[in-house]
Amino acid sequence: MTRTYQSLTRNALILAIAASFALSACGIKGELKTPPPVWGEEKPTPPDAEPAQS
């Protein structure tokens, strides 16, 4: 019974490590851009705000 528990624990650990590497490769690198509003008007930018870079 102990051998089965050790095998199960080892397999779960290997799966967790592999999943963390796989998920760390997914995602957006760099700054996130704010999407435009879905409804309503876009808010005006204050005059002292820096312009957004595209």
Protein backbone atom coordinates (compact mmCIF):
# COMPACT_ATOMS: atom_id res chain seq x y z
CA MET A 1 0.00 0.00 0.00
CA THR A 2 2.87 2.39 0.78
CA ARG A 3 4.40 1.89 -2.65
CA THR A 4 1.12 2.92 -4.32
CA TYR A 5 0.89 6.07 -2.19
CA GLN A 6 4.49 7.05 -3.04
CA SER A 7 3.88 6.45 -6.72
CA LEU A 8 0.71 8.53 -6.64
CA THR A 9 2.45 11.36 -4.80
CA ARG A 10 5.39 11.32 -7.22
CA ASN A 11 3.08 11.36 -10.23
CA ALA A 12 1.06 14.24 -8.77
CA LEU A 13 4.25 16.21 -8.13
CA ILE A 14 5.53 15.62 -11.67
CA LEU A 15 2.16 16.65 -13.09
CA ALA A 16 2.10 19.84 -10.98
CA ILE A 17 5.61 20.82 -12.08
CA ALA A 18 4.83 20.14 -15.74
CA ALA A 19 1.58 22.13 -15.52
CA SER A 20 3.34 25.10 -13.91
CA PHE A 21 5.87 25.22 -16.76
CA ALA A 22 3.15 24.88 -19.39
CA LEU A 23 0.99 27.60 -17.87
CA SER A 24 3.89 29.98 -17.31
CA ALA A 25 4.48 30.06 -21.07
CA CYS A 26 0.95 31.35 -21.69
CA GLY A 27 0.18 35.02 -21.29
CA ILE A 28 0.80 38.50 -22.54
CA LYS A 29 4.29 39.87 -22.18
CA GLY A 30 4.82 43.58 -21.54
CA GLU A 31 2.26 46.21 -20.63
CA LEU A 32 -1.43 45.49 -20.84
CA LYS A 33 -3.53 47.83 -22.98
CA THR A 34 -6.92 49.00 -21.78
CA PRO A 35 -9.67 48.03 -24.21
CA PRO A 36 -12.18 50.62 -25.41
CA PRO A 37 -15.49 50.80 -23.55
CA VAL A 38 -18.18 48.35 -24.62
CA TRP A 39 -20.96 50.93 -24.28
CA GLY A 40 -21.18 54.62 -23.50
CA GLU A 41 -18.78 57.33 -24.48
CA GLU A 42 -15.05 57.27 -24.04
CA LYS A 43 -13.92 59.49 -21.17
CA PRO A 44 -11.85 62.49 -22.25
CA THR A 45 -8.22 62.40 -21.21
CA PRO A 46 -7.10 65.14 -18.80
CA PRO A 47 -4.81 67.75 -20.39
CA ASP A 48 -1.89 66.88 -18.06
CA ALA A 49 -2.00 63.16 -18.92
CA GLU A 50 0.78 61.63 -20.98
CA PRO A 51 -0.29 60.37 -24.42
CA ALA A 52 -0.66 56.61 -24.76
CA GLN A 53 1.89 54.79 -26.88
CA SER A 54 0.59 52.42 -29.52
